[in-house]
């Protein structure tokens, strides 16, 4: 059981237990220039994540957010039913980016795009 949504232990790929996060807010730091852009990601490919059924995700950007997809949570099992985007703070340019959080199975992905970005569909 973790202390709160930001102070959580890191798990390795072999972790098969259960991590419980009682807080309804998860916080993540994003630095698109880093080799590991999500410094507080939850990665438990063989473990179970237990959170409140409804959670809010707060984002803190160390650098200007770059367009792309960032994995925030990945678990073998995860009970959260509703995930919503909370506060976004940090470096210059945060307010000019658009964000979307999507749950794909037991993975939570942040998508960042910039206004005026073109999407071409063939």
PDB file of N, CA and C in Angstrom:
ATOM      1  N   UNK A   1       0.862  -1.175   0.000  1.00  0.00           N
ATOM      2  CA  UNK A   1       0.000   0.000   0.000  1.00  0.00           C
ATOM      3  C   UNK A   1       0.900   1.225   0.000  1.00  0.00           C
ATOM      4  N   UNK A   2       0.644   2.156  -0.898  1.00  0.00           N
ATOM      5  CA  UNK A   2       1.501   3.327  -1.028  1.00  0.00           C
ATOM      6  C   UNK A   2       1.011   4.476  -0.150  1.00  0.00           C
ATOM      7  N   UNK A   3       1.901   5.417   0.085  1.00  0.00           N
ATOM      8  CA  UNK A   3       1.570   6.575   0.923  1.00  0.00           C
ATOM      9  C   UNK A   3       0.573   7.491   0.231  1.00  0.00           C
ATOM     10  N   UNK A   4       0.777   7.776  -1.045  1.00  0.00           N
ATOM     11  CA  UNK A   4      -0.149   8.611  -1.810  1.00  0.00           C
ATOM     12  C   UNK A   4       0.093   8.424  -3.303  1.00  0.00           C
ATOM     13  N   UNK A   5      -0.580   9.229  -4.109  1.00  0.00           N
ATOM     14  CA  UNK A   5      -0.509   9.068  -5.553  1.00  0.00           C
ATOM     15  C   UNK A   5       0.813   9.422  -6.192  1.00  0.00           C
ATOM     16  N   UNK A   6       1.717  10.131  -5.510  1.00  0.00           N
ATOM     17  CA  UNK A   6       3.011  10.448  -6.092  1.00  0.00           C
ATOM     18  C   UNK A   6       4.126   9.618  -5.457  1.00  0.00           C
ATOM     19  N   UNK A   7       4.046   9.367  -4.177  1.00  0.00           N
ATOM     20  CA  UNK A   7       5.100   8.610  -3.499  1.00  0.00           C
ATOM     21  C   UNK A   7       4.777   7.117  -3.579  1.00  0.00           C
ATOM     22  N   UNK A   8       5.176   6.511  -4.677  1.00  0.00           N
ATOM     23  CA  UNK A   8       4.871   5.099  -4.846  1.00  0.00           C
ATOM     24  C   UNK A   8       6.139   4.347  -5.214  1.00  0.00           C
ATOM     25  N   UNK A   9       6.215   3.083  -4.835  1.00  0.00           N
ATOM     26  CA  UNK A   9       7.415   2.310  -5.126  1.00  0.00           C
ATOM     27  C   UNK A   9       7.521   1.973  -6.606  1.00  0.00           C
ATOM     28  N   UNK A  10       8.732   1.768  -7.061  1.00  0.00           N
ATOM     29  CA  UNK A  10       8.960   1.296  -8.429  1.00  0.00           C
ATOM     30  C   UNK A  10       8.928  -0.226  -8.391  1.00  0.00           C
ATOM     31  N   UNK A  11       8.367  -0.822  -9.411  1.00  0.00           N
ATOM     32  CA  UNK A  11       8.316  -2.282  -9.489  1.00  0.00           C
ATOM     33  C   UNK A  11       9.106  -2.727 -10.709  1.00  0.00           C
ATOM     34  N   UNK A  12       9.723  -3.896 -10.609  1.00  0.00           N
ATOM     35  CA  UNK A  12      10.442  -4.415 -11.773  1.00  0.00           C
ATOM     36  C   UNK A  12       9.531  -5.360 -12.551  1.00  0.00           C
ATOM     37  N   UNK A  13       9.983  -5.813 -13.696  1.00  0.00           N
ATOM     38  CA  UNK A  13       9.166  -6.646 -14.582  1.00  0.00           C
ATOM     39  C   UNK A  13       8.743  -7.952 -13.931  1.00  0.00           C
ATOM     40  N   UNK A  14       9.508  -8.442 -12.950  1.00  0.00           N
ATOM     41  CA  UNK A  14       9.200  -9.704 -12.299  1.00  0.00           C
ATOM     42  C   UNK A  14       8.209  -9.595 -11.146  1.00  0.00           C
ATOM     43  N   UNK A  15       7.776  -8.371 -10.808  1.00  0.00           N
ATOM     44  CA  UNK A  15       6.857  -8.178  -9.694  1.00  0.00           C
ATOM     45  C   UNK A  15       5.507  -8.814 -10.011  1.00  0.00           C
ATOM     46  N   UNK A  16       5.044  -9.708  -9.140  1.00  0.00           N
ATOM     47  CA  UNK A  16       3.782 -10.406  -9.387  1.00  0.00           C
ATOM     48  C   UNK A  16       2.742 -10.127  -8.310  1.00  0.00           C
ATOM     49  N   UNK A  17       3.023  -9.224  -7.412  1.00  0.00           N
ATOM     50  CA  UNK A  17       2.113  -8.937  -6.306  1.00  0.00           C
ATOM     51  C   UNK A  17       1.054  -7.906  -6.658  1.00  0.00           C
ATOM     52  N   UNK A  18       0.529  -7.294  -5.603  1.00  0.00           N
ATOM     53  CA  UNK A  18      -0.534  -6.301  -5.742  1.00  0.00           C
ATOM     54  C   UNK A  18      -0.073  -4.995  -5.100  1.00  0.00           C
ATOM     55  N   UNK A  19      -0.214  -3.893  -5.828  1.00  0.00           N
ATOM     56  CA  UNK A  19       0.086  -2.585  -5.275  1.00  0.00           C
ATOM     57  C   UNK A  19      -1.235  -1.841  -5.113  1.00  0.00           C
ATOM     58  N   UNK A  20      -1.466  -1.315  -3.915  1.00  0.00           N
ATOM     59  CA  UNK A  20      -2.690  -0.581  -3.637  1.00  0.00           C
ATOM     60  C   UNK A  20      -2.358   0.895  -3.463  1.00  0.00           C
ATOM     61  N   UNK A  21      -3.062   1.734  -4.216  1.00  0.00           N
ATOM     62  CA  UNK A  21      -2.921   3.185  -4.109  1.00  0.00           C
ATOM     63  C   UNK A  21      -4.273   3.723  -3.654  1.00  0.00           C
ATOM     64  N   UNK A  22      -4.394   4.121  -2.383  1.00  0.00           N
ATOM     65  CA  UNK A  22      -5.693   4.547  -1.861  1.00  0.00           C
ATOM     66  C   UNK A  22      -6.138   5.944  -2.313  1.00  0.00           C
ATOM     67  N   UNK A  23      -5.194   6.786  -2.734  1.00  0.00           N
ATOM     68  CA  UNK A  23      -5.530   8.145  -3.167  1.00  0.00           C
ATOM     69  C   UNK A  23      -6.299   8.112  -4.493  1.00  0.00           C
ATOM     70  N   UNK A  24      -7.222   9.047  -4.680  1.00  0.00           N
ATOM     71  CA  UNK A  24      -8.013   9.117  -5.905  1.00  0.00           C
ATOM     72  C   UNK A  24      -7.333   9.959  -6.981  1.00  0.00           C
ATOM     73  N   UNK A  25      -6.135  10.494  -6.691  1.00  0.00           N
ATOM     74  CA  UNK A  25      -5.389  11.282  -7.675  1.00  0.00           C
ATOM     75  C   UNK A  25      -4.021  10.656  -7.892  1.00  0.00           C
ATOM     76  N   UNK A  26      -3.696  10.402  -9.149  1.00  0.00           N
ATOM     77  CA  UNK A  26      -2.356   9.931  -9.518  1.00  0.00           C
ATOM     78  C   UNK A  26      -1.642  11.090 -10.188  1.00  0.00           C
ATOM     79  N   UNK A  27      -0.383  11.296  -9.831  1.00  0.00           N
ATOM     80  CA  UNK A  27       0.412  12.381 -10.408  1.00  0.00           C
ATOM     81  C   UNK A  27       1.564  11.799 -11.197  1.00  0.00           C
ATOM     82  N   UNK A  28       1.827  12.386 -12.362  1.00  0.00           N
ATOM     83  CA  UNK A  28       2.910  11.941 -13.223  1.00  0.00           C
ATOM     84  C   UNK A  28       3.719  13.139 -13.687  1.00  0.00           C
ATOM     85  N   UNK A  29       5.032  12.950 -13.840  1.00  0.00           N
ATOM     86  CA  UNK A  29       5.921  13.975 -14.371  1.00  0.00           C
ATOM     87  C   UNK A  29       6.361  13.532 -15.766  1.00  0.00           C
ATOM     88  N   UNK A  30       6.239  14.449 -16.735  1.00  0.00           N
ATOM     89  CA  UNK A  30       6.574  14.147 -18.123  1.00  0.00           C
ATOM     90  C   UNK A  30       7.751  15.023 -18.546  1.00  0.00           C
ATOM     91  N   UNK A  31       8.788  14.401 -19.096  1.00  0.00           N
ATOM     92  CA  UNK A  31       9.928  15.115 -19.670  1.00  0.00           C
ATOM     93  C   UNK A  31      10.223  14.470 -21.012  1.00  0.00           C
ATOM     94  N   UNK A  32       9.690  15.066 -22.064  1.00  0.00           N
ATOM     95  CA  UNK A  32       9.786  14.488 -23.403  1.00  0.00           C
ATOM     96  C   UNK A  32      11.223  14.365 -23.890  1.00  0.00           C
ATOM     97  N   UNK A  33      12.173  15.091 -23.286  1.00  0.00           N
ATOM     98  CA  UNK A  33      13.565  15.034 -23.733  1.00  0.00           C
ATOM     99  C   UNK A  33      14.340  13.888 -23.080  1.00  0.00           C
ATOM    100  N   UNK A  34      13.730  13.228 -22.111  1.00  0.00           N
ATOM    101  CA  UNK A  34      14.401  12.156 -21.382  1.00  0.00           C
ATOM    102  C   UNK A  34      14.249  10.811 -22.100  1.00  0.00           C
ATOM    103  N   UNK A  35      15.181   9.880 -21.840  1.00  0.00           N
ATOM    104  CA  UNK A  35      15.076   8.536 -22.401  1.00  0.00           C
ATOM    105  C   UNK A  35      13.844   7.822 -21.860  1.00  0.00           C
ATOM    106  N   UNK A  36      13.471   8.109 -20.626  1.00  0.00           N
ATOM    107  CA  UNK A  36      12.251   7.588 -20.008  1.00  0.00           C
ATOM    108  C   UNK A  36      11.354   8.787 -19.719  1.00  0.00           C
ATOM    109  N   UNK A  37      10.530   9.200 -20.692  1.00  0.00           N
ATOM    110  CA  UNK A  37       9.811  10.464 -20.569  1.00  0.00           C
ATOM    111  C   UNK A  37       8.802  10.550 -19.424  1.00  0.00           C
ATOM    112  N   UNK A  38       8.264   9.432 -18.941  1.00  0.00           N
ATOM    113  CA  UNK A  38       7.339   9.461 -17.816  1.00  0.00           C
ATOM    114  C   UNK A  38       8.107   8.967 -16.590  1.00  0.00           C
ATOM    115  N   UNK A  39       8.544   9.907 -15.751  1.00  0.00           N
ATOM    116  CA  UNK A  39       9.419   9.538 -14.639  1.00  0.00           C
ATOM    117  C   UNK A  39       8.684   8.840 -13.500  1.00  0.00           C
ATOM    118  N   UNK A  40       7.370   8.974 -13.432  1.00  0.00           N
ATOM    119  CA  UNK A  40       6.605   8.348 -12.359  1.00  0.00           C
ATOM    120  C   UNK A  40       5.663   7.270 -12.889  1.00  0.00           C
ATOM    121  N   UNK A  41       5.986   6.682 -14.026  1.00  0.00           N
ATOM    122  CA  UNK A  41       5.112   5.676 -14.633  1.00  0.00           C
ATOM    123  C   UNK A  41       4.949   4.463 -13.714  1.00  0.00           C
ATOM    124  N   UNK A  42       3.794   3.845 -13.809  1.00  0.00           N
ATOM    125  CA  UNK A  42       3.531   2.603 -13.087  1.00  0.00           C
ATOM    126  C   UNK A  42       3.602   1.478 -14.108  1.00  0.00           C
ATOM    127  N   UNK A  43       4.576   0.599 -13.939  1.00  0.00           N
ATOM    128  CA  UNK A  43       4.757  -0.505 -14.871  1.00  0.00           C
ATOM    129  C   UNK A  43       4.777  -1.818 -14.092  1.00  0.00           C
ATOM    130  N   UNK A  44       3.711  -2.588 -14.263  1.00  0.00           N
ATOM    131  CA  UNK A  44       3.579  -3.864 -13.565  1.00  0.00           C
ATOM    132  C   UNK A  44       3.027  -4.910 -14.533  1.00  0.00           C
ATOM    133  N   UNK A  45       3.835  -5.378 -15.489  1.00  0.00           N
ATOM    134  CA  UNK A  45       3.317  -6.307 -16.500  1.00  0.00           C
ATOM    135  C   UNK A  45       2.815  -7.623 -15.922  1.00  0.00           C
ATOM    136  N   UNK A  46       3.254  -7.976 -14.722  1.00  0.00           N
ATOM    137  CA  UNK A  46       2.809  -9.220 -14.092  1.00  0.00           C
ATOM    138  C   UNK A  46       2.084  -8.987 -12.774  1.00  0.00           C
ATOM    139  N   UNK A  47       1.786  -7.727 -12.444  1.00  0.00           N
ATOM    140  CA  UNK A  47       1.193  -7.407 -11.151  1.00  0.00           C
ATOM    141  C   UNK A  47      -0.197  -6.829 -11.262  1.00  0.00           C
ATOM    142  N   UNK A  48      -0.817  -6.662 -10.101  1.00  0.00           N
ATOM    143  CA  UNK A  48      -2.168  -6.126 -10.013  1.00  0.00           C
ATOM    144  C   UNK A  48      -2.121  -4.759  -9.357  1.00  0.00           C
ATOM    145  N   UNK A  49      -2.816  -3.791  -9.955  1.00  0.00           N
ATOM    146  CA  UNK A  49      -2.894  -2.436  -9.417  1.00  0.00           C
ATOM    147  C   UNK A  49      -4.290  -2.212  -8.865  1.00  0.00           C
ATOM    148  N   UNK A  50      -4.370  -1.783  -7.620  1.00  0.00           N
ATOM    149  CA  UNK A  50      -5.651  -1.506  -6.978  1.00  0.00           C
ATOM    150  C   UNK A  50      -5.714  -0.014  -6.659  1.00  0.00           C
ATOM    151  N   UNK A  51      -6.692   0.671  -7.231  1.00  0.00           N
ATOM    152  CA  UNK A  51      -6.907   2.102  -7.003  1.00  0.00           C
ATOM    153  C   UNK A  51      -8.387   2.308  -6.717  1.00  0.00           C
ATOM    154  N   UNK A  52      -8.784   3.511  -6.317  1.00  0.00           N
ATOM    155  CA  UNK A  52     -10.218   3.784  -6.244  1.00  0.00           C
ATOM    156  C   UNK A  52     -10.847   3.565  -7.625  1.00  0.00           C
ATOM    157  N   UNK A  53     -12.128   3.302  -7.670  1.00  0.00           N
ATOM    158  CA  UNK A  53     -12.817   3.033  -8.945  1.00  0.00           C
ATOM    159  C   UNK A  53     -12.755   4.230  -9.897  1.00  0.00           C
ATOM    160  N   UNK A  54     -12.740   5.431  -9.345  1.00  0.00           N
ATOM    161  CA  UNK A  54     -12.678   6.642 -10.152  1.00  0.00           C
ATOM    162  C   UNK A  54     -11.446   7.439  -9.725  1.00  0.00           C
ATOM    163  N   UNK A  55     -10.558   7.729 -10.676  1.00  0.00           N
ATOM    164  CA  UNK A  55      -9.338   8.469 -10.343  1.00  0.00           C
ATOM    165  C   UNK A  55      -9.149   9.665 -11.268  1.00  0.00           C
ATOM    166  N   UNK A  56      -8.378  10.625 -10.781  1.00  0.00           N
ATOM    167  CA  UNK A  56      -7.995  11.809 -11.540  1.00  0.00           C
ATOM    168  C   UNK A  56      -6.493  11.753 -11.755  1.00  0.00           C
ATOM    169  N   UNK A  57      -6.048  12.168 -12.923  1.00  0.00           N
ATOM    170  CA  UNK A  57      -4.625  12.160 -13.256  1.00  0.00           C
ATOM    171  C   UNK A  57      -4.141  13.597 -13.394  1.00  0.00           C
ATOM    172  N   UNK A  58      -3.144  13.970 -12.569  1.00  0.00           N
ATOM    173  CA  UNK A  58      -2.501  15.279 -12.659  1.00  0.00           C
ATOM    174  C   UNK A  58      -1.167  15.117 -13.379  1.00  0.00           C
ATOM    175  N   UNK A  59      -0.828  16.089 -14.216  1.00  0.00           N
ATOM    176  CA  UNK A  59       0.404  16.036 -15.001  1.00  0.00           C
ATOM    177  C   UNK A  59       1.290  17.228 -14.682  1.00  0.00           C
ATOM    178  N   UNK A  60       2.585  16.972 -14.575  1.00  0.00           N
ATOM    179  CA  UNK A  60       3.567  18.025 -14.396  1.00  0.00           C
ATOM    180  C   UNK A  60       4.607  17.843 -15.498  1.00  0.00           C
ATOM    181  N   UNK A  61       4.821  18.887 -16.291  1.00  0.00           N
ATOM    182  CA  UNK A  61       5.755  18.811 -17.404  1.00  0.00           C
ATOM    183  C   UNK A  61       7.062  19.501 -17.050  1.00  0.00           C
ATOM    184  N   UNK A  62       8.182  18.770 -17.140  1.00  0.00           N
ATOM    185  CA  UNK A  62       9.506  19.339 -16.875  1.00  0.00           C
ATOM    186  C   UNK A  62       9.988  20.173 -18.045  1.00  0.00           C
ATOM    187  N   UNK A  63       9.546  19.826 -19.235  1.00  0.00           N
ATOM    188  CA  UNK A  63       9.909  20.539 -20.459  1.00  0.00           C
ATOM    189  C   UNK A  63       8.632  20.782 -21.255  1.00  0.00           C
ATOM    190  N   UNK A  64       8.756  21.544 -22.312  1.00  0.00           N
ATOM    191  CA  UNK A  64       7.605  21.802 -23.179  1.00  0.00           C
ATOM    192  C   UNK A  64       7.064  20.456 -23.672  1.00  0.00           C
ATOM    193  N   UNK A  65       5.771  20.215 -23.532  1.00  0.00           N
ATOM    194  CA  UNK A  65       5.241  18.917 -23.948  1.00  0.00           C
ATOM    195  C   UNK A  65       5.336  18.708 -25.456  1.00  0.00           C
ATOM    196  N   UNK A  66       5.890  17.593 -25.838  1.00  0.00           N
ATOM    197  CA  UNK A  66       6.012  17.241 -27.244  1.00  0.00           C
ATOM    198  C   UNK A  66       4.839  16.363 -27.640  1.00  0.00           C
ATOM    199  N   UNK A  67       4.418  16.481 -28.893  1.00  0.00           N
ATOM    200  CA  UNK A  67       3.343  15.638 -29.396  1.00  0.00           C
ATOM    201  C   UNK A  67       3.780  14.180 -29.332  1.00  0.00           C
ATOM    202  N   UNK A  68       2.860  13.325 -28.960  1.00  0.00           N
ATOM    203  CA  UNK A  68       3.157  11.898 -28.903  1.00  0.00           C
ATOM    204  C   UNK A  68       2.306  11.187 -27.881  1.00  0.00           C
ATOM    205  N   UNK A  69       2.590   9.900 -27.721  1.00  0.00           N
ATOM    206  CA  UNK A  69       1.875   9.061 -26.755  1.00  0.00           C
ATOM    207  C   UNK A  69       2.836   8.659 -25.648  1.00  0.00           C
ATOM    208  N   UNK A  70       2.341   8.734 -24.420  1.00  0.00           N
ATOM    209  CA  UNK A  70       3.134   8.415 -23.241  1.00  0.00           C
ATOM    210  C   UNK A  70       2.354   7.429 -22.377  1.00  0.00           C
ATOM    211  N   UNK A  71       2.951   6.293 -22.068  1.00  0.00           N
ATOM    212  CA  UNK A  71       2.303   5.307 -21.208  1.00  0.00           C
ATOM    213  C   UNK A  71       2.495   5.712 -19.754  1.00  0.00           C
ATOM    214  N   UNK A  72       1.386   5.909 -19.060  1.00  0.00           N
ATOM    215  CA  UNK A  72       1.421   6.307 -17.657  1.00  0.00           C
ATOM    216  C   UNK A  72       1.291   5.100 -16.731  1.00  0.00           C
ATOM    217  N   UNK A  73       0.374   4.194 -17.066  1.00  0.00           N
ATOM    218  CA  UNK A  73       0.122   3.007 -16.256  1.00  0.00           C
ATOM    219  C   UNK A  73       0.052   1.796 -17.166  1.00  0.00           C
ATOM    220  N   UNK A  74       0.704   0.736 -16.735  1.00  0.00           N
ATOM    221  CA  UNK A  74       0.610  -0.542 -17.439  1.00  0.00           C
ATOM    222  C   UNK A  74       0.633  -1.637 -16.376  1.00  0.00           C
ATOM    223  N   UNK A  75      -0.427  -2.432 -16.327  1.00  0.00           N
ATOM    224  CA  UNK A  75      -0.523  -3.496 -15.334  1.00  0.00           C
ATOM    225  C   UNK A  75      -1.212  -4.709 -15.948  1.00  0.00           C
ATOM    226  N   UNK A  76      -0.953  -5.851 -15.370  1.00  0.00           N
ATOM    227  CA  UNK A  76      -1.628  -7.067 -15.826  1.00  0.00           C
ATOM    228  C   UNK A  76      -3.120  -6.968 -15.496  1.00  0.00           C
ATOM    229  N   UNK A  77      -3.421  -6.439 -14.303  1.00  0.00           N
ATOM    230  CA  UNK A  77      -4.804  -6.211 -13.875  1.00  0.00           C
ATOM    231  C   UNK A  77      -4.895  -4.851 -13.208  1.00  0.00           C
ATOM    232  N   UNK A  78      -6.021  -4.160 -13.454  1.00  0.00           N
ATOM    233  CA  UNK A  78      -6.237  -2.852 -12.852  1.00  0.00           C
ATOM    234  C   UNK A  78      -7.737  -2.635 -12.706  1.00  0.00           C
ATOM    235  N   UNK A  79      -8.192  -2.270 -11.530  1.00  0.00           N
ATOM    236  CA  UNK A  79      -9.617  -2.187 -11.245  1.00  0.00           C
ATOM    237  C   UNK A  79     -10.289  -0.857 -11.569  1.00  0.00           C
ATOM    238  N   UNK A  80      -9.564   0.215 -11.817  1.00  0.00           N
ATOM    239  CA  UNK A  80     -10.181   1.544 -12.017  1.00  0.00           C
ATOM    240  C   UNK A  80     -11.152   1.520 -13.191  1.00  0.00           C
ATOM    241  N   UNK A  81     -12.336   2.076 -12.961  1.00  0.00           N
ATOM    242  CA  UNK A  81     -13.360   2.100 -14.001  1.00  0.00           C
ATOM    243  C   UNK A  81     -13.411   3.438 -14.737  1.00  0.00           C
ATOM    244  N   UNK A  82     -13.124   4.535 -14.044  1.00  0.00           N
ATOM    245  CA  UNK A  82     -13.212   5.865 -14.647  1.00  0.00           C
ATOM    246  C   UNK A  82     -11.931   6.634 -14.369  1.00  0.00           C
ATOM    247  N   UNK A  83     -11.353   7.202 -15.430  1.00  0.00           N
ATOM    248  CA  UNK A  83     -10.128   7.995 -15.315  1.00  0.00           C
ATOM    249  C   UNK A  83     -10.371   9.338 -15.994  1.00  0.00           C
ATOM    250  N   UNK A  84     -10.063  10.427 -15.286  1.00  0.00           N
ATOM    251  CA  UNK A  84     -10.236  11.750 -15.873  1.00  0.00           C
ATOM    252  C   UNK A  84      -8.963  12.569 -15.709  1.00  0.00           C
ATOM    253  N   UNK A  85      -8.794  13.547 -16.584  1.00  0.00           N
ATOM    254  CA  UNK A  85      -7.627  14.420 -16.561  1.00  0.00           C
ATOM    255  C   UNK A  85      -7.861  15.548 -15.579  1.00  0.00           C
ATOM    256  N   UNK A  86      -6.896  15.758 -14.681  1.00  0.00           N
ATOM    257  CA  UNK A  86      -6.978  16.836 -13.690  1.00  0.00           C
ATOM    258  C   UNK A  86      -6.159  18.034 -14.129  1.00  0.00           C
ATOM    259  N   UNK A  87      -5.205  18.442 -13.305  1.00  0.00           N
ATOM    260  CA  UNK A  87      -4.391  19.618 -13.580  1.00  0.00           C
ATOM    261  C   UNK A  87      -3.177  19.282 -14.430  1.00  0.00           C
ATOM    262  N   UNK A  88      -2.790  20.231 -15.282  1.00  0.00           N
ATOM    263  CA  UNK A  88      -1.549  20.132 -16.051  1.00  0.00           C
ATOM    264  C   UNK A  88      -0.738  21.375 -15.727  1.00  0.00           C
ATOM    265  N   UNK A  89       0.511  21.189 -15.282  1.00  0.00           N
ATOM    266  CA  UNK A  89       1.342  22.316 -14.898  1.00  0.00           C
ATOM    267  C   UNK A  89       2.762  22.085 -15.375  1.00  0.00           C
ATOM    268  N   UNK A  90       3.564  23.139 -15.287  1.00  0.00           N
ATOM    269  CA  UNK A  90       4.971  22.992 -15.625  1.00  0.00           C
ATOM    270  C   UNK A  90       5.471  24.062 -16.540  1.00  0.00           C
ATOM    271  N   UNK A  91       6.309  23.642 -17.465  1.00  0.00           N
ATOM    272  CA  UNK A  91       7.063  24.571 -18.298  1.00  0.00           C
ATOM    273  C   UNK A  91       6.187  25.356 -19.264  1.00  0.00           C
ATOM    274  N   UNK A  92       6.819  26.338 -19.869  1.00  0.00           N
ATOM    275  CA  UNK A  92       6.158  27.164 -20.874  1.00  0.00           C
ATOM    276  C   UNK A  92       5.647  26.295 -22.012  1.00  0.00           C
ATOM    277  N   UNK A  93       4.480  26.556 -22.496  1.00  0.00           N
ATOM    278  CA  UNK A  93       3.924  25.787 -23.590  1.00  0.00           C
ATOM    279  C   UNK A  93       2.900  24.767 -23.144  1.00  0.00           C
ATOM    280  N   UNK A  94       2.764  24.569 -21.849  1.00  0.00           N
ATOM    281  CA  UNK A  94       1.789  23.596 -21.348  1.00  0.00           C
ATOM    282  C   UNK A  94       0.387  23.993 -21.776  1.00  0.00           C
ATOM    283  N   UNK A  95       0.072  25.276 -21.671  1.00  0.00           N
ATOM    284  CA  UNK A  95      -1.290  25.716 -21.968  1.00  0.00           C
ATOM    285  C   UNK A  95      -1.619  25.686 -23.456  1.00  0.00           C
ATOM    286  N   UNK A  96      -0.615  25.560 -24.320  1.00  0.00           N
ATOM    287  CA  UNK A  96      -0.896  25.549 -25.759  1.00  0.00           C
ATOM    288  C   UNK A  96      -1.002  24.135 -26.325  1.00  0.00           C
ATOM    289  N   UNK A  97      -0.822  23.137 -25.504  1.00  0.00           N
ATOM    290  CA  UNK A  97      -0.939  21.759 -25.962  1.00  0.00           C
ATOM    291  C   UNK A  97      -2.311  21.205 -25.589  1.00  0.00           C
ATOM    292  N   UNK A  98      -2.740  20.203 -26.319  1.00  0.00           N
ATOM    293  CA  UNK A  98      -3.981  19.505 -26.017  1.00  0.00           C
ATOM    294  C   UNK A  98      -3.639  18.113 -25.517  1.00  0.00           C
ATOM    295  N   UNK A  99      -4.432  17.619 -24.583  1.00  0.00           N
ATOM    296  CA  UNK A  99      -4.153  16.336 -23.955  1.00  0.00           C
ATOM    297  C   UNK A  99      -5.395  15.463 -23.986  1.00  0.00           C
ATOM    298  N   UNK A 100      -5.144  14.182 -24.025  1.00  0.00           N
ATOM    299  CA  UNK A 100      -6.227  13.214 -23.915  1.00  0.00           C
ATOM    300  C   UNK A 100      -5.678  12.004 -23.178  1.00  0.00           C
ATOM    301  N   UNK A 101      -6.454  11.496 -22.244  1.00  0.00           N
ATOM    302  CA  UNK A 101      -6.067  10.283 -21.530  1.00  0.00           C
ATOM    303  C   UNK A 101      -7.023   9.185 -21.946  1.00  0.00           C
ATOM    304  N   UNK A 102      -6.455   8.049 -22.326  1.00  0.00           N
ATOM    305  CA  UNK A 102      -7.269   6.916 -22.750  1.00  0.00           C
ATOM    306  C   UNK A 102      -6.824   5.660 -22.031  1.00  0.00           C
ATOM    307  N   UNK A 103      -7.790   4.910 -21.621  1.00  0.00           N
ATOM    308  CA  UNK A 103      -7.500   3.610 -21.028  1.00  0.00           C
ATOM    309  C   UNK A 103      -7.687   2.564 -22.112  1.00  0.00           C
ATOM    310  N   UNK A 104      -6.629   1.825 -22.369  1.00  0.00           N
ATOM    311  CA  UNK A 104      -6.647   0.751 -23.365  1.00  0.00           C
ATOM    312  C   UNK A 104      -6.402  -0.545 -22.608  1.00  0.00           C
ATOM    313  N   UNK A 105      -7.474  -1.237 -22.234  1.00  0.00           N
ATOM    314  CA  UNK A 105      -7.332  -2.425 -21.395  1.00  0.00           C
ATOM    315  C   UNK A 105      -6.833  -2.008 -20.031  1.00  0.00           C
ATOM    316  N   UNK A 106      -5.710  -2.539 -19.599  1.00  0.00           N
ATOM    317  CA  UNK A 106      -5.115  -2.194 -18.309  1.00  0.00           C
ATOM    318  C   UNK A 106      -3.933  -1.247 -18.472  1.00  0.00           C
ATOM    319  N   UNK A 107      -3.927  -0.505 -19.576  1.00  0.00           N
ATOM    320  CA  UNK A 107      -2.893   0.488 -19.847  1.00  0.00           C
ATOM    321  C   UNK A 107      -3.542   1.862 -19.951  1.00  0.00           C
ATOM    322  N   UNK A 108      -2.894   2.859 -19.350  1.00  0.00           N
ATOM    323  CA  UNK A 108      -3.370   4.233 -19.420  1.00  0.00           C
ATOM    324  C   UNK A 108      -2.368   5.029 -20.237  1.00  0.00           C
ATOM    325  N   UNK A 109      -2.845   5.646 -21.319  1.00  0.00           N
ATOM    326  CA  UNK A 109      -1.973   6.353 -22.249  1.00  0.00           C
ATOM    327  C   UNK A 109      -2.367   7.828 -22.314  1.00  0.00           C
ATOM    328  N   UNK A 110      -1.357   8.696 -22.235  1.00  0.00           N
ATOM    329  CA  UNK A 110      -1.540  10.126 -22.427  1.00  0.00           C
ATOM    330  C   UNK A 110      -1.161  10.450 -23.862  1.00  0.00           C
ATOM    331  N   UNK A 111      -2.066  11.115 -24.573  1.00  0.00           N
ATOM    332  CA  UNK A 111      -1.768  11.581 -25.921  1.00  0.00           C
ATOM    333  C   UNK A 111      -1.680  13.102 -25.877  1.00  0.00           C
ATOM    334  N   UNK A 112      -0.590  13.646 -26.412  1.00  0.00           N
ATOM    335  CA  UNK A 112      -0.379  15.093 -26.463  1.00  0.00           C
ATOM    336  C   UNK A 112      -0.304  15.487 -27.932  1.00  0.00           C
ATOM    337  N   UNK A 113      -1.043  16.504 -28.305  1.00  0.00           N
ATOM    338  CA  UNK A 113      -0.901  17.064 -29.642  1.00  0.00           C
ATOM    339  C   UNK A 113      -0.957  18.579 -29.546  1.00  0.00           C
ATOM    340  N   UNK A 114      -0.374  19.203 -30.521  1.00  0.00           N
ATOM    341  CA  UNK A 114      -0.289  20.652 -30.521  1.00  0.00           C
ATOM    342  C   UNK A 114      -1.311  21.212 -31.502  1.00  0.00           C
ATOM    343  N   UNK A 115      -1.906  22.347 -31.173  1.00  0.00           N
ATOM    344  CA  UNK A 115      -2.860  22.974 -32.097  1.00  0.00           C
ATOM    345  C   UNK A 115      -2.221  23.204 -33.457  1.00  0.00           C
ATOM    346  N   UNK A 116      -2.974  22.925 -34.492  1.00  0.00           N
ATOM    347  CA  UNK A 116      -2.477  23.099 -35.846  1.00  0.00           C
ATOM    348  C   UNK A 116      -1.785  21.869 -36.391  1.00  0.00           C
ATOM    349  N   UNK A 117      -1.646  20.844 -35.586  1.00  0.00           N
ATOM    350  CA  UNK A 117      -1.014  19.608 -36.049  1.00  0.00           C
ATOM    351  C   UNK A 117      -1.925  18.957 -37.075  1.00  0.00           C
ATOM    352  N   UNK A 118      -1.358  18.534 -38.192  1.00  0.00           N
ATOM    353  CA  UNK A 118      -2.139  17.908 -39.243  1.00  0.00           C
ATOM    354  C   UNK A 118      -2.171  16.406 -39.079  1.00  0.00           C
ATOM    355  N   UNK A 119      -3.345  15.845 -39.276  1.00  0.00           N
ATOM    356  CA  UNK A 119      -3.494  14.394 -39.268  1.00  0.00           C
ATOM    357  C   UNK A 119      -3.951  13.992 -40.654  1.00  0.00           C
ATOM    358  N   UNK A 120      -3.195  13.116 -41.272  1.00  0.00           N
ATOM    359  CA  UNK A 120      -3.531  12.673 -42.616  1.00  0.00           C
ATOM    360  C   UNK A 120      -4.031  11.236 -42.537  1.00  0.00           C
ATOM    361  N   UNK A 121      -5.238  11.035 -43.050  1.00  0.00           N
ATOM    362  CA  UNK A 121      -5.829   9.696 -43.067  1.00  0.00           C
ATOM    363  C   UNK A 121      -5.914   9.242 -44.504  1.00  0.00           C
ATOM    364  N   UNK A 122      -5.384   8.062 -44.751  1.00  0.00           N
ATOM    365  CA  UNK A 122      -5.419   7.536 -46.120  1.00  0.00           C
ATOM    366  C   UNK A 122      -6.548   6.562 -46.286  1.00  0.00           C
TER     367      UNK A 122
END
